[in-house]
Amino acid sequence: MVPATATRVEAHTSPQFNERVKDDFQERLAAYRSDDRRVLIDSRLRELDREWDVERVLQTNFAALSLVGLALASRVDKRWLILALGVPAFMVQHALQGWCPPLALLRRLGLRTAREINEERFALQALRDGFAAEQR
């Protein structure tokens, strides 16, 4: 069974970590609610625009490792083709199932899904727009 795209990474992440991501998000949002922090909200929105989601990091790492495997196979030893061919297999596995070997590590390092990042972005935008409406 192929999981839904928006939730496939979370489905393969420990429930404790998923809760931690939600709790961290709620704590950040509560801090911005405490008073009119429009400047801080705008700054955080700019940070979110630069934040790499777990998918982007995985794609970059998959591509880099495949290229390294090809370079090493052509220059050092043909056995490095295992890396060049094995990494795309994990990429396909991740695309279909939402899981691959480095995913657990990347999630523990704090990388979030695009959906998790967008949830924070939308909540901050709503909070900021609410401040603007109150000031009018």
C-alpha atoms as a PDB file:
ATOM      1  CA  MET A   1       0.000   0.000   0.000  1.00  0.00           C
ATOM      2  CA  VAL A   2       1.333   3.437  -0.963  1.00  0.00           C
ATOM      3  CA  PRO A   3       0.708   6.056   1.758  1.00  0.00           C
ATOM      4  CA  ALA A   4      -0.616   9.549   1.048  1.00  0.00           C
ATOM      5  CA  THR A   5       2.125  11.917  -0.077  1.00  0.00           C
ATOM      6  CA  ALA A   6       1.451  14.579   2.553  1.00  0.00           C
ATOM      7  CA  THR A   7       1.748  12.215   5.508  1.00  0.00           C
ATOM      8  CA  ARG A   8       4.048   9.418   4.350  1.00  0.00           C
ATOM      9  CA  VAL A   9       7.148  10.647   6.206  1.00  0.00           C
ATOM     10  CA  GLU A  10       5.220  11.184   9.425  1.00  0.00           C
ATOM     11  CA  ALA A  11       3.773   7.695   9.080  1.00  0.00           C
ATOM     12  CA  HIS A  12       7.328   6.295   9.209  1.00  0.00           C
ATOM     13  CA  THR A  13       8.485   8.536  12.042  1.00  0.00           C
ATOM     14  CA  SER A  14       8.122   7.574  15.681  1.00  0.00           C
ATOM     15  CA  PRO A  15       4.959   8.920  17.328  1.00  0.00           C
ATOM     16  CA  GLN A  16       7.109  10.509  20.046  1.00  0.00           C
ATOM     17  CA  PHE A  17       9.040  12.540  17.482  1.00  0.00           C
ATOM     18  CA  ASN A  18       5.866  13.570  15.663  1.00  0.00           C
ATOM     19  CA  GLU A  19       4.485  14.778  19.012  1.00  0.00           C
ATOM     20  CA  ARG A  20       7.703  16.673  19.712  1.00  0.00           C
ATOM     21  CA  VAL A  21       7.421  18.473  16.369  1.00  0.00           C
ATOM     22  CA  LYS A  22       3.820  19.443  17.152  1.00  0.00           C
ATOM     23  CA  ASP A  23       4.696  20.543  20.698  1.00  0.00           C
ATOM     24  CA  ASP A  24       7.623  22.665  19.475  1.00  0.00           C
ATOM     25  CA  PHE A  25       5.342  24.277  16.903  1.00  0.00           C
ATOM     26  CA  GLN A  26       2.686  25.045  19.542  1.00  0.00           C
ATOM     27  CA  GLU A  27       5.305  26.561  21.878  1.00  0.00           C
ATOM     28  CA  ARG A  28       6.677  28.817  19.126  1.00  0.00           C
ATOM     29  CA  LEU A  29       3.181  29.900  18.161  1.00  0.00           C
ATOM     30  CA  ALA A  30       2.257  30.664  21.788  1.00  0.00           C
ATOM     31  CA  ALA A  31       5.346  32.858  22.132  1.00  0.00           C
ATOM     32  CA  TYR A  32       4.261  34.916  19.126  1.00  0.00           C
ATOM     33  CA  ARG A  33       0.724  35.266  20.523  1.00  0.00           C
ATOM     34  CA  SER A  34       1.879  36.866  23.758  1.00  0.00           C
ATOM     35  CA  ASP A  35       1.805  40.402  22.325  1.00  0.00           C
ATOM     36  CA  ASP A  36       2.182  42.295  19.054  1.00  0.00           C
ATOM     37  CA  ARG A  37       5.308  40.713  17.633  1.00  0.00           C
ATOM     38  CA  ARG A  38       4.752  41.497  13.975  1.00  0.00           C
ATOM     39  CA  VAL A  39       8.471  42.082  13.340  1.00  0.00           C
ATOM     40  CA  LEU A  40       9.371  38.770  14.960  1.00  0.00           C
ATOM     41  CA  ILE A  41       6.661  36.976  12.994  1.00  0.00           C
ATOM     42  CA  ASP A  42       7.931  38.463   9.730  1.00  0.00           C
ATOM     43  CA  SER A  43      11.454  37.387  10.644  1.00  0.00           C
ATOM     44  CA  ARG A  44      10.291  33.847  11.443  1.00  0.00           C
ATOM     45  CA  LEU A  45       8.381  33.682   8.140  1.00  0.00           C
ATOM     46  CA  ARG A  46      11.604  34.568   6.311  1.00  0.00           C
ATOM     47  CA  GLU A  47      13.387  31.779   8.224  1.00  0.00           C
ATOM     48  CA  LEU A  48      10.682  29.326   7.193  1.00  0.00           C
ATOM     49  CA  ASP A  49      11.139  30.358   3.548  1.00  0.00           C
ATOM     50  CA  ARG A  50      14.796  29.291   3.825  1.00  0.00           C
ATOM     51  CA  GLU A  51      14.206  26.091   5.816  1.00  0.00           C
ATOM     52  CA  TRP A  52      14.890  22.900   3.888  1.00  0.00           C
ATOM     53  CA  ASP A  53      12.328  20.184   4.346  1.00  0.00           C
ATOM     54  CA  VAL A  54      13.343  16.549   4.805  1.00  0.00           C
ATOM     55  CA  GLU A  55      12.434  15.710   1.187  1.00  0.00           C
ATOM     56  CA  ARG A  56      14.800  18.343  -0.206  1.00  0.00           C
ATOM     57  CA  VAL A  57      17.638  17.153   2.013  1.00  0.00           C
ATOM     58  CA  LEU A  58      17.055  13.536   1.007  1.00  0.00           C
ATOM     59  CA  GLN A  59      16.944  14.393  -2.711  1.00  0.00           C
ATOM     60  CA  THR A  60      20.163  16.378  -2.437  1.00  0.00           C
ATOM     61  CA  ASN A  61      21.899  13.595  -0.527  1.00  0.00           C
ATOM     62  CA  PHE A  62      20.642  10.918  -2.929  1.00  0.00           C
ATOM     63  CA  ALA A  63      21.971  12.866  -5.919  1.00  0.00           C
ATOM     64  CA  ALA A  64      25.296  13.667  -4.270  1.00  0.00           C
ATOM     65  CA  LEU A  65      25.921  10.080  -3.164  1.00  0.00           C
ATOM     66  CA  SER A  66      25.019   8.739  -6.615  1.00  0.00           C
ATOM     67  CA  LEU A  67      27.473  11.141  -8.245  1.00  0.00           C
ATOM     68  CA  VAL A  68      30.173  10.285  -5.720  1.00  0.00           C
ATOM     69  CA  GLY A  69      29.585   6.584  -6.402  1.00  0.00           C
ATOM     70  CA  LEU A  70      29.901   7.139 -10.156  1.00  0.00           C
ATOM     71  CA  ALA A  71      33.052   9.243  -9.763  1.00  0.00           C
ATOM     72  CA  LEU A  72      34.675   6.675  -7.481  1.00  0.00           C
ATOM     73  CA  ALA A  73      33.669   3.817  -9.793  1.00  0.00           C
ATOM     74  CA  SER A  74      35.258   5.541 -12.772  1.00  0.00           C
ATOM     75  CA  ARG A  75      38.443   6.571 -10.958  1.00  0.00           C
ATOM     76  CA  VAL A  76      39.051   4.111  -8.118  1.00  0.00           C
ATOM     77  CA  ASP A  77      37.199   0.813  -8.323  1.00  0.00           C
ATOM     78  CA  LYS A  78      34.146  -0.450 -10.202  1.00  0.00           C
ATOM     79  CA  ARG A  79      32.706  -1.780  -6.943  1.00  0.00           C
ATOM     80  CA  TRP A  80      31.700   1.793  -6.110  1.00  0.00           C
ATOM     81  CA  LEU A  81      28.890   1.290  -8.621  1.00  0.00           C
ATOM     82  CA  ILE A  82      27.066  -0.427  -5.763  1.00  0.00           C
ATOM     83  CA  LEU A  83      26.726   2.991  -4.140  1.00  0.00           C
ATOM     84  CA  ALA A  84      25.720   4.645  -7.409  1.00  0.00           C
ATOM     85  CA  LEU A  85      23.018   2.014  -7.979  1.00  0.00           C
ATOM     86  CA  GLY A  86      21.974   1.390  -4.377  1.00  0.00           C
ATOM     87  CA  VAL A  87      21.172   4.993  -3.537  1.00  0.00           C
ATOM     88  CA  PRO A  88      18.546   5.349  -6.302  1.00  0.00           C
ATOM     89  CA  ALA A  89      16.910   2.168  -5.001  1.00  0.00           C
ATOM     90  CA  PHE A  90      16.471   3.867  -1.620  1.00  0.00           C
ATOM     91  CA  MET A  91      15.158   6.927  -3.442  1.00  0.00           C
ATOM     92  CA  VAL A  92      12.470   4.836  -5.118  1.00  0.00           C
ATOM     93  CA  GLN A  93      11.649   3.191  -1.802  1.00  0.00           C
ATOM     94  CA  HIS A  94      11.238   6.603  -0.193  1.00  0.00           C
ATOM     95  CA  ALA A  95       9.106   7.899  -3.054  1.00  0.00           C
ATOM     96  CA  LEU A  96       6.744   4.936  -2.781  1.00  0.00           C
ATOM     97  CA  GLN A  97       6.688   4.234   0.946  1.00  0.00           C
ATOM     98  CA  GLY A  98       7.898   7.445   2.578  1.00  0.00           C
ATOM     99  CA  TRP A  99      10.732   5.627   4.330  1.00  0.00           C
ATOM    100  CA  CYS A 100      14.436   5.138   3.651  1.00  0.00           C
ATOM    101  CA  PRO A 101      17.429   4.390   5.912  1.00  0.00           C
ATOM    102  CA  PRO A 102      18.570   7.991   6.566  1.00  0.00           C
ATOM    103  CA  LEU A 103      15.052   9.246   7.337  1.00  0.00           C
ATOM    104  CA  ALA A 104      15.108   8.428  11.056  1.00  0.00           C
ATOM    105  CA  LEU A 105      18.411  10.259  11.520  1.00  0.00           C
ATOM    106  CA  LEU A 106      17.282  13.316   9.570  1.00  0.00           C
ATOM    107  CA  ARG A 107      14.044  13.522  11.562  1.00  0.00           C
ATOM    108  CA  ARG A 108      15.983  13.232  14.832  1.00  0.00           C
ATOM    109  CA  LEU A 109      18.186  16.088  13.636  1.00  0.00           C
ATOM    110  CA  GLY A 110      15.036  18.188  13.493  1.00  0.00           C
ATOM    111  CA  LEU A 111      14.215  18.207   9.803  1.00  0.00           C
ATOM    112  CA  ARG A 112      10.517  18.654   9.183  1.00  0.00           C
ATOM    113  CA  THR A 113       8.236  17.833   6.299  1.00  0.00           C
ATOM    114  CA  ALA A 114       6.983  20.547   3.962  1.00  0.00           C
ATOM    115  CA  ARG A 115       3.540  20.110   5.496  1.00  0.00           C
ATOM    116  CA  GLU A 116       4.884  20.714   9.003  1.00  0.00           C
ATOM    117  CA  ILE A 117       6.743  23.818   7.856  1.00  0.00           C
ATOM    118  CA  ASN A 118       3.664  25.111   6.030  1.00  0.00           C
ATOM    119  CA  GLU A 119       1.462  24.566   9.089  1.00  0.00           C
ATOM    120  CA  GLU A 120       3.713  26.899  11.039  1.00  0.00           C
ATOM    121  CA  ARG A 121       3.828  29.387   8.159  1.00  0.00           C
ATOM    122  CA  PHE A 122       0.032  29.515   7.806  1.00  0.00           C
ATOM    123  CA  ALA A 123      -0.502  29.846  11.565  1.00  0.00           C
ATOM    124  CA  LEU A 124       2.000  32.715  11.780  1.00  0.00           C
ATOM    125  CA  GLN A 125       0.447  34.460   8.781  1.00  0.00           C
ATOM    126  CA  ALA A 126      -3.002  34.180  10.370  1.00  0.00           C
ATOM    127  CA  LEU A 127      -1.622  35.518  13.643  1.00  0.00           C
ATOM    128  CA  ARG A 128       0.137  38.399  11.883  1.00  0.00           C
ATOM    129  CA  ASP A 129      -2.943  39.262   9.843  1.00  0.00           C
ATOM    130  CA  GLY A 130      -4.998  39.178  13.036  1.00  0.00           C
ATOM    131  CA  PHE A 131      -2.627  41.741  14.555  1.00  0.00           C
ATOM    132  CA  ALA A 132      -3.013  43.935  11.481  1.00  0.00           C
ATOM    133  CA  ALA A 133      -6.821  43.764  11.717  1.00  0.00           C
ATOM    134  CA  GLU A 134      -6.710  44.702  15.434  1.00  0.00           C
ATOM    135  CA  GLN A 135      -4.541  47.746  14.712  1.00  0.00           C
ATOM    136  CA  ARG A 136      -6.905  49.159  12.091  1.00  0.00           C
END
